[in-house]
Amino acid sequence: MNRFIIVLLALNAHFSCTEKSGSGLGKTAGFRLEIIDSLQIDYLGNVWFLDYESESQSYLAWGNRDKEVLVLDENGLIKSTFDFPSDGPDALIGWINPIGL
């Protein structure tokens, strides 16, 4: 029984260490990374997009600061910003919902 196991292990080692022919390792696929849709914004902080208007091609987004709204064009340039204060005479209590273009 032990000799049979030794013979099986020797055959397994022999066939596992031999070189395979036609394994296909020489073929390479031509992959590349292509960015299709992107928008680069000159803004320091995080931006959350809320809405898009197709007529004026404008994006509406929340800015990094509390209650700051940005209007962006299709190239990522900031057209205008609006600050909605949460304290003072012009304060808006709660979240502005729904907000859109």
PDB file of N, CA and C in Angstrom:
ATOM      1  N   MET A   1       0.822  -1.194   0.000  1.00  0.00           N
ATOM      2  CA  MET A   1       0.000   0.000   0.000  1.00  0.00           C
ATOM      3  C   MET A   1       0.865   1.256   0.000  1.00  0.00           C
ATOM      4  N   ASN A   2       1.934   1.247   0.829  1.00  0.00           N
ATOM      5  CA  ASN A   2       2.817   2.403   0.888  1.00  0.00           C
ATOM      6  C   ASN A   2       3.542   2.621  -0.435  1.00  0.00           C
ATOM      7  N   ARG A   3       3.906   1.520  -1.118  1.00  0.00           N
ATOM      8  CA  ARG A   3       4.598   1.641  -2.399  1.00  0.00           C
ATOM      9  C   ARG A   3       3.666   2.254  -3.449  1.00  0.00           C
ATOM     10  N   PHE A   4       2.386   1.922  -3.392  1.00  0.00           N
ATOM     11  CA  PHE A   4       1.417   2.470  -4.337  1.00  0.00           C
ATOM     12  C   PHE A   4       1.285   3.986  -4.154  1.00  0.00           C
ATOM     13  N   ILE A   5       1.256   4.452  -2.920  1.00  0.00           N
ATOM     14  CA  ILE A   5       1.153   5.885  -2.630  1.00  0.00           C
ATOM     15  C   ILE A   5       2.417   6.606  -3.090  1.00  0.00           C
ATOM     16  N   ILE A   6       3.588   5.987  -2.880  1.00  0.00           N
ATOM     17  CA  ILE A   6       4.849   6.600  -3.306  1.00  0.00           C
ATOM     18  C   ILE A   6       4.900   6.711  -4.824  1.00  0.00           C
ATOM     19  N   VAL A   7       4.427   5.689  -5.534  1.00  0.00           N
ATOM     20  CA  VAL A   7       4.398   5.729  -7.000  1.00  0.00           C
ATOM     21  C   VAL A   7       3.444   6.821  -7.479  1.00  0.00           C
ATOM     22  N   LEU A   8       2.278   6.968  -6.854  1.00  0.00           N
ATOM     23  CA  LEU A   8       1.328   8.023  -7.232  1.00  0.00           C
ATOM     24  C   LEU A   8       1.914   9.417  -6.992  1.00  0.00           C
ATOM     25  N   LEU A   9       2.596   9.601  -5.871  1.00  0.00           N
ATOM     26  CA  LEU A   9       3.216  10.894  -5.587  1.00  0.00           C
ATOM     27  C   LEU A   9       4.327  11.206  -6.585  1.00  0.00           C
ATOM     28  N   ALA A  10       5.115  10.181  -6.977  1.00  0.00           N
ATOM     29  CA  ALA A  10       6.190  10.387  -7.946  1.00  0.00           C
ATOM     30  C   ALA A  10       5.619  10.758  -9.312  1.00  0.00           C
ATOM     31  N   LEU A  11       4.547  10.090  -9.740  1.00  0.00           N
ATOM     32  CA  LEU A  11       3.910  10.426 -11.019  1.00  0.00           C
ATOM     33  C   LEU A  11       3.293  11.829 -10.982  1.00  0.00           C
ATOM     34  N   ASN A  12       2.685  12.162  -9.874  1.00  0.00           N
ATOM     35  CA  ASN A  12       2.091  13.495  -9.721  1.00  0.00           C
ATOM     36  C   ASN A  12       3.171  14.575  -9.793  1.00  0.00           C
ATOM     37  N   ALA A  13       4.289  14.363  -9.125  1.00  0.00           N
ATOM     38  CA  ALA A  13       5.386  15.327  -9.157  1.00  0.00           C
ATOM     39  C   ALA A  13       5.972  15.440 -10.555  1.00  0.00           C
ATOM     40  N   HIS A  14       6.076  14.326 -11.265  1.00  0.00           N
ATOM     41  CA  HIS A  14       6.642  14.342 -12.616  1.00  0.00           C
ATOM     42  C   HIS A  14       5.759  15.145 -13.578  1.00  0.00           C
ATOM     43  N   PHE A  15       4.453  14.882 -13.562  1.00  0.00           N
ATOM     44  CA  PHE A  15       3.561  15.565 -14.501  1.00  0.00           C
ATOM     45  C   PHE A  15       3.294  17.016 -14.112  1.00  0.00           C
ATOM     46  N   SER A  16       3.375  17.343 -12.838  1.00  0.00           N
ATOM     47  CA  SER A  16       3.132  18.726 -12.433  1.00  0.00           C
ATOM     48  C   SER A  16       4.338  19.618 -12.700  1.00  0.00           C
ATOM     49  N   CYS A  17       5.528  19.054 -12.807  1.00  0.00           N
ATOM     50  CA  CYS A  17       6.732  19.852 -13.032  1.00  0.00           C
ATOM     51  C   CYS A  17       7.132  19.929 -14.499  1.00  0.00           C
ATOM     52  N   THR A  18       6.460  19.219 -15.388  1.00  0.00           N
ATOM     53  CA  THR A  18       6.808  19.286 -16.803  1.00  0.00           C
ATOM     54  C   THR A  18       6.222  20.547 -17.418  1.00  0.00           C
ATOM     55  N   GLU A  19       6.853  21.016 -18.487  1.00  0.00           N
ATOM     56  CA  GLU A  19       6.419  22.240 -19.152  1.00  0.00           C
ATOM     57  C   GLU A  19       5.218  21.948 -20.040  1.00  0.00           C
ATOM     58  N   LYS A  20       4.214  22.805 -19.957  1.00  0.00           N
ATOM     59  CA  LYS A  20       3.004  22.636 -20.758  1.00  0.00           C
ATOM     60  C   LYS A  20       3.200  23.309 -22.108  1.00  0.00           C
ATOM     61  N   SER A  21       2.673  22.702 -23.136  1.00  0.00           N
ATOM     62  CA  SER A  21       2.753  23.307 -24.463  1.00  0.00           C
ATOM     63  C   SER A  21       1.408  23.932 -24.806  1.00  0.00           C
ATOM     64  N   GLY A  22       1.452  25.101 -25.443  1.00  0.00           N
ATOM     65  CA  GLY A  22       0.217  25.768 -25.863  1.00  0.00           C
ATOM     66  C   GLY A  22      -0.582  26.324 -24.708  1.00  0.00           C
ATOM     67  N   SER A  23       0.082  26.846 -23.698  1.00  0.00           N
ATOM     68  CA  SER A  23      -0.646  27.359 -22.539  1.00  0.00           C
ATOM     69  C   SER A  23      -1.242  28.737 -22.789  1.00  0.00           C
ATOM     70  N   GLY A  24      -0.806  29.443 -23.838  1.00  0.00           N
ATOM     71  CA  GLY A  24      -1.391  30.741 -24.164  1.00  0.00           C
ATOM     72  C   GLY A  24      -0.827  31.888 -23.353  1.00  0.00           C
ATOM     73  N   LEU A  25       0.308  31.696 -22.693  1.00  0.00           N
ATOM     74  CA  LEU A  25       0.884  32.776 -21.906  1.00  0.00           C
ATOM     75  C   LEU A  25       1.522  33.847 -22.775  1.00  0.00           C
ATOM     76  N   GLY A  26       1.864  33.520 -24.004  1.00  0.00           N
ATOM     77  CA  GLY A  26       2.496  34.488 -24.887  1.00  0.00           C
ATOM     78  C   GLY A  26       1.521  35.495 -25.472  1.00  0.00           C
ATOM     79  N   LYS A  27       0.237  35.229 -25.411  1.00  0.00           N
ATOM     80  CA  LYS A  27      -0.765  36.137 -25.961  1.00  0.00           C
ATOM     81  C   LYS A  27      -1.073  37.237 -24.955  1.00  0.00           C
ATOM     82  N   THR A  28      -1.128  38.464 -25.444  1.00  0.00           N
ATOM     83  CA  THR A  28      -1.495  39.581 -24.579  1.00  0.00           C
ATOM     84  C   THR A  28      -2.702  40.282 -25.180  1.00  0.00           C
ATOM     85  N   ALA A  29      -3.584  40.713 -24.323  1.00  0.00           N
ATOM     86  CA  ALA A  29      -4.771  41.440 -24.764  1.00  0.00           C
ATOM     87  C   ALA A  29      -4.470  42.930 -24.738  1.00  0.00           C
ATOM     88  N   GLY A  30      -5.035  43.668 -25.662  1.00  0.00           N
ATOM     89  CA  GLY A  30      -4.801  45.107 -25.747  1.00  0.00           C
ATOM     90  C   GLY A  30      -5.836  45.893 -24.957  1.00  0.00           C
ATOM     91  N   PHE A  31      -5.694  45.937 -23.641  1.00  0.00           N
ATOM     92  CA  PHE A  31      -6.609  46.702 -22.806  1.00  0.00           C
ATOM     93  C   PHE A  31      -6.062  48.097 -22.600  1.00  0.00           C
ATOM     94  N   ARG A  32      -6.971  49.077 -22.442  1.00  0.00           N
ATOM     95  CA  ARG A  32      -6.568  50.430 -22.099  1.00  0.00           C
ATOM     96  C   ARG A  32      -7.696  51.095 -21.327  1.00  0.00           C
ATOM     97  N   LEU A  33      -7.354  52.090 -20.539  1.00  0.00           N
ATOM     98  CA  LEU A  33      -8.312  52.823 -19.732  1.00  0.00           C
ATOM     99  C   LEU A  33      -8.648  54.123 -20.445  1.00  0.00           C
ATOM    100  N   GLU A  34      -9.937  54.354 -20.640  1.00  0.00           N
ATOM    101  CA  GLU A  34     -10.376  55.560 -21.325  1.00  0.00           C
ATOM    102  C   GLU A  34     -11.468  56.220 -20.493  1.00  0.00           C
ATOM    103  N   ILE A  35     -11.249  57.480 -20.110  1.00  0.00           N
ATOM    104  CA  ILE A  35     -12.234  58.228 -19.334  1.00  0.00           C
ATOM    105  C   ILE A  35     -13.181  58.897 -20.322  1.00  0.00           C
ATOM    106  N   ILE A  36     -14.450  58.541 -20.240  1.00  0.00           N
ATOM    107  CA  ILE A  36     -15.432  59.052 -21.195  1.00  0.00           C
ATOM    108  C   ILE A  36     -16.128  60.292 -20.644  1.00  0.00           C
ATOM    109  N   ASP A  37     -16.657  60.204 -19.439  1.00  0.00           N
ATOM    110  CA  ASP A  37     -17.365  61.323 -18.827  1.00  0.00           C
ATOM    111  C   ASP A  37     -16.612  61.774 -17.589  1.00  0.00           C
ATOM    112  N   SER A  38     -16.227  63.037 -17.564  1.00  0.00           N
ATOM    113  CA  SER A  38     -15.573  63.578 -16.382  1.00  0.00           C
ATOM    114  C   SER A  38     -15.868  65.071 -16.306  1.00  0.00           C
ATOM    115  N   LEU A  39     -15.748  65.601 -15.116  1.00  0.00           N
ATOM    116  CA  LEU A  39     -15.994  67.016 -14.876  1.00  0.00           C
ATOM    117  C   LEU A  39     -14.991  67.472 -13.837  1.00  0.00           C
ATOM    118  N   GLN A  40     -14.106  68.387 -14.203  1.00  0.00           N
ATOM    119  CA  GLN A  40     -13.102  68.899 -13.282  1.00  0.00           C
ATOM    120  C   GLN A  40     -13.573  70.251 -12.770  1.00  0.00           C
ATOM    121  N   ILE A  41     -13.686  70.364 -11.444  1.00  0.00           N
ATOM    122  CA  ILE A  41     -14.222  71.563 -10.808  1.00  0.00           C
ATOM    123  C   ILE A  41     -13.125  72.216  -9.981  1.00  0.00           C
ATOM    124  N   ASP A  42     -12.943  73.508 -10.158  1.00  0.00           N
ATOM    125  CA  ASP A  42     -11.958  74.261  -9.388  1.00  0.00           C
ATOM    126  C   ASP A  42     -12.604  74.692  -8.072  1.00  0.00           C
ATOM    127  N   TYR A  43     -12.669  73.755  -7.134  1.00  0.00           N
ATOM    128  CA  TYR A  43     -13.326  73.995  -5.847  1.00  0.00           C
ATOM    129  C   TYR A  43     -12.597  73.188  -4.792  1.00  0.00           C
ATOM    130  N   LEU A  44     -12.271  73.822  -3.689  1.00  0.00           N
ATOM    131  CA  LEU A  44     -11.580  73.147  -2.604  1.00  0.00           C
ATOM    132  C   LEU A  44     -12.615  72.573  -1.647  1.00  0.00           C
ATOM    133  N   GLY A  45     -12.770  71.267  -1.651  1.00  0.00           N
ATOM    134  CA  GLY A  45     -13.737  70.612  -0.777  1.00  0.00           C
ATOM    135  C   GLY A  45     -14.562  69.602  -1.543  1.00  0.00           C
ATOM    136  N   ASN A  46     -15.565  69.080  -0.873  1.00  0.00           N
ATOM    137  CA  ASN A  46     -16.448  68.081  -1.471  1.00  0.00           C
ATOM    138  C   ASN A  46     -17.638  68.755  -2.135  1.00  0.00           C
ATOM    139  N   VAL A  47     -18.093  68.165  -3.235  1.00  0.00           N
ATOM    140  CA  VAL A  47     -19.246  68.677  -3.968  1.00  0.00           C
ATOM    141  C   VAL A  47     -20.232  67.526  -4.159  1.00  0.00           C
ATOM    142  N   TRP A  48     -21.504  67.748  -3.844  1.00  0.00           N
ATOM    143  CA  TRP A  48     -22.559  66.758  -4.040  1.00  0.00           C
ATOM    144  C   TRP A  48     -23.523  67.302  -5.084  1.00  0.00           C
ATOM    145  N   PHE A  49     -23.671  66.583  -6.183  1.00  0.00           N
ATOM    146  CA  PHE A  49     -24.544  67.027  -7.264  1.00  0.00           C
ATOM    147  C   PHE A  49     -25.994  66.728  -6.918  1.00  0.00           C
ATOM    148  N   LEU A  50     -26.861  67.710  -7.180  1.00  0.00           N
ATOM    149  CA  LEU A  50     -28.276  67.570  -6.864  1.00  0.00           C
ATOM    150  C   LEU A  50     -29.150  67.485  -8.104  1.00  0.00           C
ATOM    151  N   ASP A  51     -28.851  68.311  -9.119  1.00  0.00           N
ATOM    152  CA  ASP A  51     -29.759  68.410 -10.254  1.00  0.00           C
ATOM    153  C   ASP A  51     -28.979  68.824 -11.497  1.00  0.00           C
ATOM    154  N   TYR A  52     -29.587  68.579 -12.661  1.00  0.00           N
ATOM    155  CA  TYR A  52     -29.025  68.983 -13.952  1.00  0.00           C
ATOM    156  C   TYR A  52     -30.148  69.543 -14.810  1.00  0.00           C
ATOM    157  N   GLU A  53     -29.908  70.689 -15.423  1.00  0.00           N
ATOM    158  CA  GLU A  53     -30.886  71.289 -16.328  1.00  0.00           C
ATOM    159  C   GLU A  53     -30.319  71.243 -17.738  1.00  0.00           C
ATOM    160  N   SER A  54     -31.020  70.562 -18.639  1.00  0.00           N
ATOM    161  CA  SER A  54     -30.499  70.347 -19.988  1.00  0.00           C
ATOM    162  C   SER A  54     -30.584  71.598 -20.861  1.00  0.00           C
ATOM    163  N   GLU A  55     -31.540  72.490 -20.611  1.00  0.00           N
ATOM    164  CA  GLU A  55     -31.657  73.696 -21.444  1.00  0.00           C
ATOM    165  C   GLU A  55     -30.448  74.612 -21.291  1.00  0.00           C
ATOM    166  N   SER A  56     -30.066  74.900 -20.060  1.00  0.00           N
ATOM    167  CA  SER A  56     -28.907  75.772 -19.824  1.00  0.00           C
ATOM    168  C   SER A  56     -27.629  74.975 -19.602  1.00  0.00           C
ATOM    169  N   GLN A  57     -27.723  73.654 -19.590  1.00  0.00           N
ATOM    170  CA  GLN A  57     -26.606  72.746 -19.334  1.00  0.00           C
ATOM    171  C   GLN A  57     -25.878  73.137 -18.053  1.00  0.00           C
ATOM    172  N   SER A  58     -26.657  73.296 -16.983  1.00  0.00           N
ATOM    173  CA  SER A  58     -26.128  73.697 -15.682  1.00  0.00           C
ATOM    174  C   SER A  58     -26.343  72.586 -14.667  1.00  0.00           C
ATOM    175  N   TYR A  59     -25.394  72.472 -13.743  1.00  0.00           N
ATOM    176  CA  TYR A  59     -25.477  71.526 -12.640  1.00  0.00           C
ATOM    177  C   TYR A  59     -25.724  72.301 -11.356  1.00  0.00           C
ATOM    178  N   LEU A  60     -26.510  71.729 -10.472  1.00  0.00           N
ATOM    179  CA  LEU A  60     -26.743  72.293  -9.153  1.00  0.00           C
ATOM    180  C   LEU A  60     -26.096  71.367  -8.144  1.00  0.00           C
ATOM    181  N   ALA A  61     -25.301  71.923  -7.223  1.00  0.00           N
ATOM    182  CA  ALA A  61     -24.557  71.082  -6.286  1.00  0.00           C
ATOM    183  C   ALA A  61     -24.465  71.753  -4.927  1.00  0.00           C
ATOM    184  N   TRP A  62     -24.369  70.921  -3.875  1.00  0.00           N
ATOM    185  CA  TRP A  62     -24.063  71.400  -2.532  1.00  0.00           C
ATOM    186  C   TRP A  62     -22.565  71.553  -2.420  1.00  0.00           C
ATOM    187  N   GLY A  63     -22.118  72.625  -1.783  1.00  0.00           N
ATOM    188  CA  GLY A  63     -20.699  72.827  -1.543  1.00  0.00           C
ATOM    189  C   GLY A  63     -20.260  72.197  -0.240  1.00  0.00           C
ATOM    190  N   ASN A  64     -19.019  72.449   0.117  1.00  0.00           N
ATOM    191  CA  ASN A  64     -18.425  71.859   1.311  1.00  0.00           C
ATOM    192  C   ASN A  64     -18.958  72.511   2.581  1.00  0.00           C
ATOM    193  N   ARG A  65     -19.176  73.800   2.522  1.00  0.00           N
ATOM    194  CA  ARG A  65     -19.664  74.494   3.710  1.00  0.00           C
ATOM    195  C   ARG A  65     -21.149  74.219   3.910  1.00  0.00           C
ATOM    196  N   ASP A  66     -21.624  74.504   5.098  1.00  0.00           N
ATOM    197  CA  ASP A  66     -23.021  74.268   5.424  1.00  0.00           C
ATOM    198  C   ASP A  66     -23.914  75.222   4.640  1.00  0.00           C
ATOM    199  N   LYS A  67     -24.872  74.678   3.924  1.00  0.00           N
ATOM    200  CA  LYS A  67     -25.880  75.428   3.174  1.00  0.00           C
ATOM    201  C   LYS A  67     -25.279  76.305   2.075  1.00  0.00           C
ATOM    202  N   GLU A  68     -24.262  75.830   1.389  1.00  0.00           N
ATOM    203  CA  GLU A  68     -23.691  76.536   0.242  1.00  0.00           C
ATOM    204  C   GLU A  68     -24.122  75.797  -1.024  1.00  0.00           C
ATOM    205  N   VAL A  69     -24.738  76.518  -1.948  1.00  0.00           N
ATOM    206  CA  VAL A  69     -25.222  75.931  -3.191  1.00  0.00           C
ATOM    207  C   VAL A  69     -24.402  76.502  -4.339  1.00  0.00           C
ATOM    208  N   LEU A  70     -23.961  75.618  -5.252  1.00  0.00           N
ATOM    209  CA  LEU A  70     -23.160  76.022  -6.403  1.00  0.00           C
ATOM    210  C   LEU A  70     -23.938  75.757  -7.677  1.00  0.00           C
ATOM    211  N   VAL A  71     -23.824  76.663  -8.640  1.00  0.00           N
ATOM    212  CA  VAL A  71     -24.360  76.449  -9.982  1.00  0.00           C
ATOM    213  C   VAL A  71     -23.157  76.353 -10.909  1.00  0.00           C
ATOM    214  N   LEU A  72     -23.020  75.202 -11.590  1.00  0.00           N
ATOM    215  CA  LEU A  72     -21.866  74.924 -12.440  1.00  0.00           C
ATOM    216  C   LEU A  72     -22.307  74.790 -13.886  1.00  0.00           C
ATOM    217  N   ASP A  73     -21.418  75.149 -14.825  1.00  0.00           N
ATOM    218  CA  ASP A  73     -21.736  74.927 -16.234  1.00  0.00           C
ATOM    219  C   ASP A  73     -21.208  73.566 -16.670  1.00  0.00           C
ATOM    220  N   GLU A  74     -21.350  73.239 -17.966  1.00  0.00           N
ATOM    221  CA  GLU A  74     -20.972  71.909 -18.455  1.00  0.00           C
ATOM    222  C   GLU A  74     -19.469  71.675 -18.444  1.00  0.00           C
ATOM    223  N   ASN A  75     -18.659  72.740 -18.314  1.00  0.00           N
ATOM    224  CA  ASN A  75     -17.203  72.602 -18.256  1.00  0.00           C
ATOM    225  C   ASN A  75     -16.669  72.541 -16.831  1.00  0.00           C
ATOM    226  N   GLY A  76     -17.543  72.678 -15.835  1.00  0.00           N
ATOM    227  CA  GLY A  76     -17.124  72.630 -14.445  1.00  0.00           C
ATOM    228  C   GLY A  76     -16.806  73.988 -13.850  1.00  0.00           C
ATOM    229  N   LEU A  77     -17.036  75.064 -14.592  1.00  0.00           N
ATOM    230  CA  LEU A  77     -16.799  76.408 -14.058  1.00  0.00           C
ATOM    231  C   LEU A  77     -17.970  76.820 -13.176  1.00  0.00           C
ATOM    232  N   ILE A  78     -17.661  77.460 -12.067  1.00  0.00           N
ATOM    233  CA  ILE A  78     -18.694  77.885 -11.123  1.00  0.00           C
ATOM    234  C   ILE A  78     -19.314  79.176 -11.639  1.00  0.00           C
ATOM    235  N   LYS A  79     -20.601  79.112 -12.006  1.00  0.00           N
ATOM    236  CA  LYS A  79     -21.318  80.301 -12.475  1.00  0.00           C
ATOM    237  C   LYS A  79     -21.688  81.204 -11.313  1.00  0.00           C
ATOM    238  N   SER A  80     -22.240  80.613 -10.259  1.00  0.00           N
ATOM    239  CA  SER A  80     -22.633  81.408  -9.100  1.00  0.00           C
ATOM    240  C   SER A  80     -22.708  80.518  -7.866  1.00  0.00           C
ATOM    241  N   THR A  81     -22.638  81.166  -6.713  1.00  0.00           N
ATOM    242  CA  THR A  81     -22.765  80.474  -5.433  1.00  0.00           C
ATOM    243  C   THR A  81     -23.815  81.190  -4.596  1.00  0.00           C
ATOM    244  N   PHE A  82     -24.504  80.430  -3.779  1.00  0.00           N
ATOM    245  CA  PHE A  82     -25.507  80.969  -2.872  1.00  0.00           C
ATOM    246  C   PHE A  82     -25.241  80.397  -1.493  1.00  0.00           C
ATOM    247  N   ASP A  83     -25.240  81.259  -0.499  1.00  0.00           N
ATOM    248  CA  ASP A  83     -25.101  80.820   0.888  1.00  0.00           C
ATOM    249  C   ASP A  83     -26.443  80.990   1.576  1.00  0.00           C
ATOM    250  N   PHE A  84     -26.908  79.936   2.206  1.00  0.00           N
ATOM    251  CA  PHE A  84     -28.135  79.975   2.985  1.00  0.00           C
ATOM    252  C   PHE A  84     -27.748  79.880   4.450  1.00  0.00           C
ATOM    253  N   PRO A  85     -27.711  81.009   5.163  1.00  0.00           N
ATOM    254  CA  PRO A  85     -27.263  80.980   6.557  1.00  0.00           C
ATOM    255  C   PRO A  85     -28.270  80.251   7.448  1.00  0.00           C
ATOM    256  N   SER A  86     -27.738  79.619   8.490  1.00  0.00           N
ATOM    257  CA  SER A  86     -28.603  78.929   9.446  1.00  0.00           C
ATOM    258  C   SER A  86     -28.781  79.737  10.726  1.00  0.00           C
ATOM    259  N   ASP A  87     -28.160  80.942  10.770  1.00  0.00           N
ATOM    260  CA  ASP A  87     -28.270  81.782  11.948  1.00  0.00           C
ATOM    261  C   ASP A  87     -28.329  83.238  11.488  1.00  0.00           C
ATOM    262  N   GLY A  88     -29.128  84.054  12.139  1.00  0.00           N
ATOM    263  CA  GLY A  88     -29.214  85.462  11.804  1.00  0.00           C
ATOM    264  C   GLY A  88     -30.581  85.829  11.256  1.00  0.00           C
ATOM    265  N   PRO A  89     -30.740  87.092  10.794  1.00  0.00           N
ATOM    266  CA  PRO A  89     -32.060  87.544  10.337  1.00  0.00           C
ATOM    267  C   PRO A  89     -32.514  86.881   9.033  1.00  0.00           C
ATOM    268  N   ASP A  90     -31.588  86.466   8.172  1.00  0.00           N
ATOM    269  CA  ASP A  90     -31.956  85.823   6.910  1.00  0.00           C
ATOM    270  C   ASP A  90     -31.821  84.301   6.986  1.00  0.00           C
ATOM    271  N   ALA A  91     -31.940  83.757   8.172  1.00  0.00           N
ATOM    272  CA  ALA A  91     -31.705  82.324   8.371  1.00  0.00           C
ATOM    273  C   ALA A  91     -32.850  81.494   7.813  1.00  0.00           C
ATOM    274  N   LEU A  92     -32.487  80.341   7.303  1.00  0.00           N
ATOM    275  CA  LEU A  92     -33.457  79.347   6.851  1.00  0.00           C
ATOM    276  C   LEU A  92     -33.356  78.156   7.792  1.00  0.00           C
ATOM    277  N   ILE A  93     -34.438  77.855   8.449  1.00  0.00           N
ATOM    278  CA  ILE A  93     -34.442  76.767   9.423  1.00  0.00           C
ATOM    279  C   ILE A  93     -34.682  75.449   8.695  1.00  0.00           C
ATOM    280  N   GLY A  94     -33.864  74.444   8.988  1.00  0.00           N
ATOM    281  CA  GLY A  94     -34.018  73.125   8.379  1.00  0.00           C
ATOM    282  C   GLY A  94     -33.347  73.064   7.019  1.00  0.00           C
ATOM    283  N   TRP A  95     -33.495  71.923   6.374  1.00  0.00           N
ATOM    284  CA  TRP A  95     -32.905  71.716   5.058  1.00  0.00           C
ATOM    285  C   TRP A  95     -33.804  72.290   3.983  1.00  0.00           C
ATOM    286  N   ILE A  96     -33.205  72.731   2.915  1.00  0.00           N
ATOM    287  CA  ILE A  96     -33.947  73.235   1.765  1.00  0.00           C
ATOM    288  C   ILE A  96     -34.329  72.018   0.938  1.00  0.00           C
ATOM    289  N   ASN A  97     -35.583  71.666   0.947  1.00  0.00           N
ATOM    290  CA  ASN A  97     -36.003  70.450   0.266  1.00  0.00           C
ATOM    291  C   ASN A  97     -37.384  70.672  -0.321  1.00  0.00           C
ATOM    292  N   PRO A  98     -37.659  70.441  -1.531  1.00  0.00           N
ATOM    293  CA  PRO A  98     -36.742  70.048  -2.589  1.00  0.00           C
ATOM    294  C   PRO A  98     -36.080  71.269  -3.204  1.00  0.00           C
ATOM    295  N   ILE A  99     -34.880  71.086  -3.664  1.00  0.00           N
ATOM    296  CA  ILE A  99     -34.150  72.147  -4.339  1.00  0.00           C
ATOM    297  C   ILE A  99     -33.803  71.639  -5.728  1.00  0.00           C
ATOM    298  N   GLY A 100     -33.938  72.454  -6.728  1.00  0.00           N
ATOM    299  CA  GLY A 100     -33.661  72.036  -8.096  1.00  0.00           C
ATOM    300  C   GLY A 100     -33.581  73.239  -9.007  1.00  0.00           C
ATOM    301  N   LEU A 101     -33.198  72.986 -10.219  1.00  0.00           N
ATOM    302  CA  LEU A 101     -33.091  74.073 -11.197  1.00  0.00           C
ATOM    303  C   LEU A 101     -34.413  74.287 -11.888  1.00  0.00           C
TER     304      LEU A 101
END
